[in-house]
Amino acid sequence: MTASGPRPHDLEAVVEMLSTEAGGRLGPAFDDYRPGHDFGHPSGELNGGIHVYPDGGVLAPGETGRVFIWLAVHERNAGRLGEGQAFTVQEAPRVVGRGRITRVVTETLRRA
């Protein structure tokens, strides 16, 4: 599932990748990066997804950029997400980035 995948992306966001010194990745994230996302749900579950970086295809440690996100199981987030909502980008329990939703593309995800 990429920018030319079988369905439109679910979310648009701005993500700041933590620097390597701050505990972030050792190298850059490229299109099709597949991290977990913590949207702050009471269950504490991470939501897997796929990232595409529309402004160059890459986001290096310490950089901030736009991201399109396809959620692996977007139905689990129905009615839970909204513009301005903060989230973390994670590799298992390790936080490697922080983001903010700028647009909820998939209507069923939109918080009422």
N, C-alpha and C. Protein backbone atom coordinates (compact mmCIF):
# COMPACT_ATOMS: atom_id res chain seq x y z
N MET A 1 0.83 -1.17 0.00
CA MET A 1 0.00 0.00 0.00
C MET A 1 0.89 1.24 0.00
N THR A 2 0.94 1.96 -1.08
CA THR A 2 1.74 3.17 -1.16
C THR A 2 0.88 4.28 -1.74
N ALA A 3 1.52 5.36 -2.14
CA ALA A 3 0.79 6.50 -2.70
C ALA A 3 -0.08 6.08 -3.88
N SER A 4 0.26 5.00 -4.53
CA SER A 4 -0.55 4.51 -5.63
C SER A 4 -1.31 3.25 -5.23
N GLY A 5 -1.49 3.06 -3.92
CA GLY A 5 -2.12 1.86 -3.38
C GLY A 5 -3.59 1.73 -3.70
N PRO A 6 -4.21 0.68 -3.17
CA PRO A 6 -5.59 0.35 -3.51
C PRO A 6 -6.64 1.27 -2.88
N ARG A 7 -6.25 2.09 -1.92
CA ARG A 7 -7.19 3.03 -1.32
C ARG A 7 -6.45 4.30 -0.93
N PRO A 8 -7.18 5.42 -0.81
CA PRO A 8 -6.51 6.66 -0.39
C PRO A 8 -5.94 6.52 1.01
N HIS A 9 -4.96 7.35 1.32
CA HIS A 9 -4.40 7.35 2.67
C HIS A 9 -5.48 7.76 3.67
N ASP A 10 -5.29 7.38 4.94
CA ASP A 10 -6.27 7.66 5.99
C ASP A 10 -6.05 9.00 6.66
N LEU A 11 -4.80 9.38 6.84
CA LEU A 11 -4.47 10.59 7.59
C LEU A 11 -3.37 11.37 6.89
N GLU A 12 -3.37 12.68 7.12
CA GLU A 12 -2.23 13.52 6.79
C GLU A 12 -1.76 14.11 8.11
N ALA A 13 -0.45 14.23 8.26
CA ALA A 13 0.10 14.71 9.52
C ALA A 13 1.42 15.40 9.28
N VAL A 14 1.89 16.08 10.32
CA VAL A 14 3.24 16.61 10.37
C VAL A 14 3.94 15.82 11.47
N VAL A 15 5.11 15.27 11.14
CA VAL A 15 5.86 14.46 12.09
C VAL A 15 7.25 15.04 12.28
N GLU A 16 7.66 15.10 13.54
CA GLU A 16 9.03 15.46 13.87
C GLU A 16 9.71 14.18 14.33
N MET A 17 10.69 13.74 13.57
CA MET A 17 11.46 12.57 13.96
C MET A 17 12.48 13.00 15.02
N LEU A 18 12.58 12.22 16.10
CA LEU A 18 13.56 12.54 17.13
C LEU A 18 14.97 12.37 16.56
N SER A 19 15.89 13.17 17.05
CA SER A 19 17.28 13.00 16.65
C SER A 19 17.80 11.68 17.21
N THR A 20 18.84 11.18 16.62
CA THR A 20 19.45 9.95 17.11
C THR A 20 19.89 10.13 18.56
N GLU A 21 20.43 11.28 18.89
CA GLU A 21 20.90 11.57 20.25
C GLU A 21 19.76 11.58 21.26
N ALA A 22 18.55 11.90 20.81
CA ALA A 22 17.38 11.95 21.69
C ALA A 22 16.63 10.61 21.72
N GLY A 23 17.24 9.56 21.16
CA GLY A 23 16.63 8.24 21.19
C GLY A 23 15.92 7.84 19.91
N GLY A 24 16.02 8.67 18.87
CA GLY A 24 15.37 8.38 17.60
C GLY A 24 16.13 7.34 16.78
N ARG A 25 15.70 7.19 15.56
CA ARG A 25 16.31 6.22 14.64
C ARG A 25 17.77 6.57 14.35
N LEU A 26 18.52 5.55 13.95
CA LEU A 26 19.91 5.77 13.54
C LEU A 26 19.99 6.32 12.13
N GLY A 27 19.02 5.97 11.29
CA GLY A 27 19.00 6.42 9.91
C GLY A 27 17.63 6.95 9.53
N PRO A 28 17.50 7.44 8.31
CA PRO A 28 16.24 8.03 7.88
C PRO A 28 15.13 7.01 7.67
N ALA A 29 13.89 7.52 7.69
CA ALA A 29 12.71 6.72 7.33
C ALA A 29 12.37 7.06 5.88
N PHE A 30 12.16 6.05 5.08
CA PHE A 30 11.83 6.22 3.67
C PHE A 30 10.36 5.88 3.44
N ASP A 31 9.82 6.28 2.28
CA ASP A 31 8.47 5.87 1.91
C ASP A 31 8.29 4.39 2.19
N ASP A 32 7.11 4.02 2.64
CA ASP A 32 6.73 2.66 3.00
C ASP A 32 7.28 2.22 4.37
N TYR A 33 7.79 3.16 5.15
CA TYR A 33 8.17 2.91 6.54
C TYR A 33 6.91 2.47 7.29
N ARG A 34 7.03 1.48 8.16
CA ARG A 34 5.88 0.85 8.81
C ARG A 34 5.99 0.86 10.34
N PRO A 35 5.85 2.03 10.95
CA PRO A 35 5.94 2.11 12.41
C PRO A 35 4.59 1.86 13.08
N GLY A 36 4.61 1.85 14.41
CA GLY A 36 3.39 1.87 15.19
C GLY A 36 3.05 3.31 15.53
N HIS A 37 1.79 3.55 15.85
CA HIS A 37 1.32 4.89 16.22
C HIS A 37 0.54 4.79 17.51
N ASP A 38 0.83 5.66 18.45
CA ASP A 38 0.06 5.73 19.70
C ASP A 38 -0.76 7.00 19.65
N PHE A 39 -2.08 6.82 19.48
CA PHE A 39 -3.01 7.94 19.41
C PHE A 39 -3.60 8.27 20.78
N GLY A 40 -3.07 7.65 21.84
CA GLY A 40 -3.51 7.97 23.19
C GLY A 40 -4.81 7.30 23.61
N HIS A 41 -5.12 6.16 23.01
CA HIS A 41 -6.34 5.45 23.38
C HIS A 41 -6.18 4.77 24.73
N PRO A 42 -7.25 4.69 25.50
CA PRO A 42 -7.18 4.08 26.83
C PRO A 42 -6.62 2.65 26.82
N SER A 43 -6.82 1.92 25.75
CA SER A 43 -6.32 0.54 25.69
C SER A 43 -4.80 0.49 25.60
N GLY A 44 -4.18 1.59 25.19
CA GLY A 44 -2.73 1.64 25.06
C GLY A 44 -2.19 0.95 23.82
N GLU A 45 -3.08 0.47 22.95
CA GLU A 45 -2.62 -0.25 21.77
C GLU A 45 -1.92 0.65 20.77
N LEU A 46 -0.94 0.08 20.09
CA LEU A 46 -0.30 0.76 18.98
C LEU A 46 -1.05 0.40 17.70
N ASN A 47 -1.15 1.35 16.81
CA ASN A 47 -1.82 1.15 15.53
C ASN A 47 -0.77 1.15 14.43
N GLY A 48 -0.56 0.00 13.82
CA GLY A 48 0.41 -0.10 12.74
C GLY A 48 -0.04 0.69 11.52
N GLY A 49 0.90 1.10 10.72
CA GLY A 49 0.56 1.85 9.52
C GLY A 49 1.74 1.96 8.59
N ILE A 50 1.48 2.62 7.46
CA ILE A 50 2.49 2.83 6.43
C ILE A 50 2.62 4.32 6.21
N HIS A 51 3.86 4.81 6.16
CA HIS A 51 4.13 6.23 5.90
C HIS A 51 4.60 6.44 4.48
N VAL A 52 4.14 7.53 3.88
CA VAL A 52 4.71 8.05 2.64
C VAL A 52 5.00 9.52 2.89
N TYR A 53 6.19 9.96 2.52
CA TYR A 53 6.63 11.34 2.72
C TYR A 53 6.54 12.09 1.39
N PRO A 54 5.46 12.88 1.20
CA PRO A 54 5.19 13.45 -0.12
C PRO A 54 6.18 14.53 -0.57
N ASP A 55 7.00 15.01 0.33
CA ASP A 55 7.94 16.08 -0.04
C ASP A 55 9.36 15.58 -0.22
N GLY A 56 9.52 14.40 -0.75
CA GLY A 56 10.86 13.91 -1.03
C GLY A 56 11.09 12.44 -0.74
N GLY A 57 10.11 11.77 -0.12
CA GLY A 57 10.23 10.34 0.08
C GLY A 57 11.09 9.90 1.24
N VAL A 58 11.54 10.85 2.07
CA VAL A 58 12.43 10.50 3.17
C VAL A 58 12.29 11.52 4.30
N LEU A 59 12.47 11.06 5.54
CA LEU A 59 12.49 11.94 6.70
C LEU A 59 13.59 11.44 7.63
N ALA A 60 14.61 12.26 7.82
CA ALA A 60 15.80 11.87 8.59
C ALA A 60 15.62 12.18 10.07
N PRO A 61 16.39 11.53 10.92
CA PRO A 61 16.34 11.86 12.35
C PRO A 61 16.57 13.36 12.56
N GLY A 62 15.74 13.96 13.41
CA GLY A 62 15.83 15.39 13.69
C GLY A 62 15.06 16.27 12.74
N GLU A 63 14.52 15.71 11.66
CA GLU A 63 13.76 16.50 10.68
C GLU A 63 12.26 16.45 10.97
N THR A 64 11.57 17.47 10.47
CA THR A 64 10.12 17.56 10.54
C THR A 64 9.58 17.61 9.12
N GLY A 65 8.50 16.87 8.86
CA GLY A 65 7.93 16.88 7.51
C GLY A 65 6.52 16.35 7.47
N ARG A 66 5.91 16.52 6.31
CA ARG A 66 4.55 16.01 6.09
C ARG A 66 4.60 14.51 5.85
N VAL A 67 3.52 13.84 6.26
CA VAL A 67 3.42 12.40 6.05
C VAL A 67 1.98 12.04 5.73
N PHE A 68 1.80 11.11 4.80
CA PHE A 68 0.52 10.48 4.54
C PHE A 68 0.57 9.13 5.23
N ILE A 69 -0.49 8.78 5.96
CA ILE A 69 -0.50 7.53 6.73
C ILE A 69 -1.68 6.66 6.32
N TRP A 70 -1.37 5.41 6.03
CA TRP A 70 -2.38 4.37 5.84
C TRP A 70 -2.36 3.55 7.12
N LEU A 71 -3.47 3.46 7.82
CA LEU A 71 -3.53 2.63 9.03
C LEU A 71 -3.77 1.19 8.61
N ALA A 72 -3.07 0.26 9.25
CA ALA A 72 -3.18 -1.15 8.90
C ALA A 72 -4.60 -1.66 9.09
N VAL A 73 -5.23 -1.29 10.18
CA VAL A 73 -6.61 -1.69 10.45
C VAL A 73 -7.35 -0.41 10.83
N HIS A 74 -7.68 0.40 9.82
CA HIS A 74 -8.26 1.70 10.13
C HIS A 74 -9.62 1.61 10.81
N GLU A 75 -10.32 0.49 10.67
CA GLU A 75 -11.63 0.33 11.30
C GLU A 75 -11.54 0.39 12.84
N ARG A 76 -10.39 0.00 13.41
CA ARG A 76 -10.22 0.02 14.88
C ARG A 76 -10.19 1.44 15.44
N ASN A 77 -10.05 2.42 14.55
CA ASN A 77 -9.98 3.81 14.98
C ASN A 77 -11.22 4.61 14.59
N ALA A 78 -12.28 3.94 14.21
CA ALA A 78 -13.50 4.63 13.76
C ALA A 78 -13.99 5.60 14.84
N GLY A 79 -14.18 6.84 14.42
CA GLY A 79 -14.71 7.88 15.30
C GLY A 79 -13.76 8.36 16.38
N ARG A 80 -12.47 8.05 16.27
CA ARG A 80 -11.52 8.37 17.34
C ARG A 80 -10.51 9.47 17.01
N LEU A 81 -10.35 9.85 15.76
CA LEU A 81 -9.24 10.72 15.38
C LEU A 81 -9.74 12.08 14.89
N GLY A 82 -8.94 13.12 15.16
CA GLY A 82 -9.33 14.46 14.74
C GLY A 82 -8.13 15.33 14.41
N GLU A 83 -8.39 16.38 13.62
CA GLU A 83 -7.34 17.33 13.28
C GLU A 83 -6.79 17.96 14.56
N GLY A 84 -5.47 18.12 14.61
CA GLY A 84 -4.81 18.69 15.77
C GLY A 84 -4.42 17.68 16.82
N GLN A 85 -4.88 16.44 16.67
CA GLN A 85 -4.58 15.40 17.67
C GLN A 85 -3.12 14.99 17.59
N ALA A 86 -2.48 14.92 18.75
CA ALA A 86 -1.08 14.52 18.83
C ALA A 86 -0.97 13.00 18.90
N PHE A 87 0.16 12.47 18.43
CA PHE A 87 0.43 11.04 18.51
C PHE A 87 1.93 10.82 18.51
N THR A 88 2.34 9.62 18.86
CA THR A 88 3.75 9.27 18.76
C THR A 88 3.95 8.25 17.66
N VAL A 89 5.13 8.27 17.08
CA VAL A 89 5.57 7.29 16.09
C VAL A 89 6.53 6.37 16.85
N GLN A 90 6.28 5.06 16.78
CA GLN A 90 7.04 4.14 17.61
C GLN A 90 7.55 2.94 16.83
N GLU A 91 8.67 2.44 17.31
CA GLU A 91 9.21 1.16 16.88
C GLU A 91 9.16 0.29 18.12
N ALA A 92 8.13 -0.54 18.20
CA ALA A 92 7.80 -1.30 19.42
C ALA A 92 7.60 -0.28 20.53
N PRO A 93 8.20 -0.42 21.71
CA PRO A 93 7.91 0.55 22.76
C PRO A 93 8.69 1.86 22.62
N ARG A 94 9.67 1.90 21.73
CA ARG A 94 10.54 3.08 21.61
C ARG A 94 9.91 4.17 20.75
N VAL A 95 9.78 5.37 21.33
CA VAL A 95 9.26 6.53 20.59
C VAL A 95 10.38 7.07 19.73
N VAL A 96 10.12 7.18 18.41
CA VAL A 96 11.11 7.70 17.47
C VAL A 96 10.67 9.00 16.82
N GLY A 97 9.41 9.40 17.08
CA GLY A 97 8.90 10.64 16.51
C GLY A 97 7.61 11.07 17.18
N ARG A 98 7.26 12.34 16.96
CA ARG A 98 6.01 12.90 17.48
C ARG A 98 5.30 13.60 16.34
N GLY A 99 3.98 13.39 16.27
CA GLY A 99 3.23 13.97 15.17
C GLY A 99 1.95 14.64 15.62
N ARG A 100 1.35 15.33 14.66
CA ARG A 100 0.06 15.98 14.86
C ARG A 100 -0.75 15.79 13.58
N ILE A 101 -1.98 15.29 13.72
CA ILE A 101 -2.86 15.07 12.56
C ILE A 101 -3.27 16.43 12.00
N THR A 102 -3.09 16.60 10.69
CA THR A 102 -3.52 17.84 10.03
C THR A 102 -4.80 17.64 9.22
N ARG A 103 -5.08 16.38 8.85
CA ARG A 103 -6.31 16.10 8.08
C ARG A 103 -6.67 14.64 8.24
N VAL A 104 -7.95 14.40 8.54
CA VAL A 104 -8.48 13.03 8.57
C VAL A 104 -9.16 12.82 7.23
N VAL A 105 -8.56 11.98 6.39
CA VAL A 105 -9.06 11.76 5.03
C VAL A 105 -10.21 10.77 5.02
N THR A 106 -10.09 9.69 5.80
CA THR A 106 -11.11 8.66 5.84
C THR A 106 -12.20 9.08 6.84
N GLU A 107 -13.37 9.41 6.32
CA GLU A 107 -14.46 9.98 7.12
C GLU A 107 -14.82 9.12 8.33
N THR A 108 -14.80 7.81 8.20
CA THR A 108 -15.19 6.97 9.33
C THR A 108 -14.26 7.06 10.52
N LEU A 109 -13.06 7.60 10.31
CA LEU A 109 -12.11 7.78 11.41
C LEU A 109 -12.38 9.06 12.19
N ARG A 110 -13.07 10.00 11.56
CA ARG A 110 -13.26 11.34 12.13
C ARG A 110 -14.04 11.31 13.42
N ARG A 111 -13.48 11.98 14.42
CA ARG A 111 -14.14 12.14 15.71
C ARG A 111 -15.33 13.06 15.54
N ALA A 112 -16.45 12.69 16.17
CA ALA A 112 -17.69 13.50 16.05
C ALA A 112 -17.54 14.84 16.73
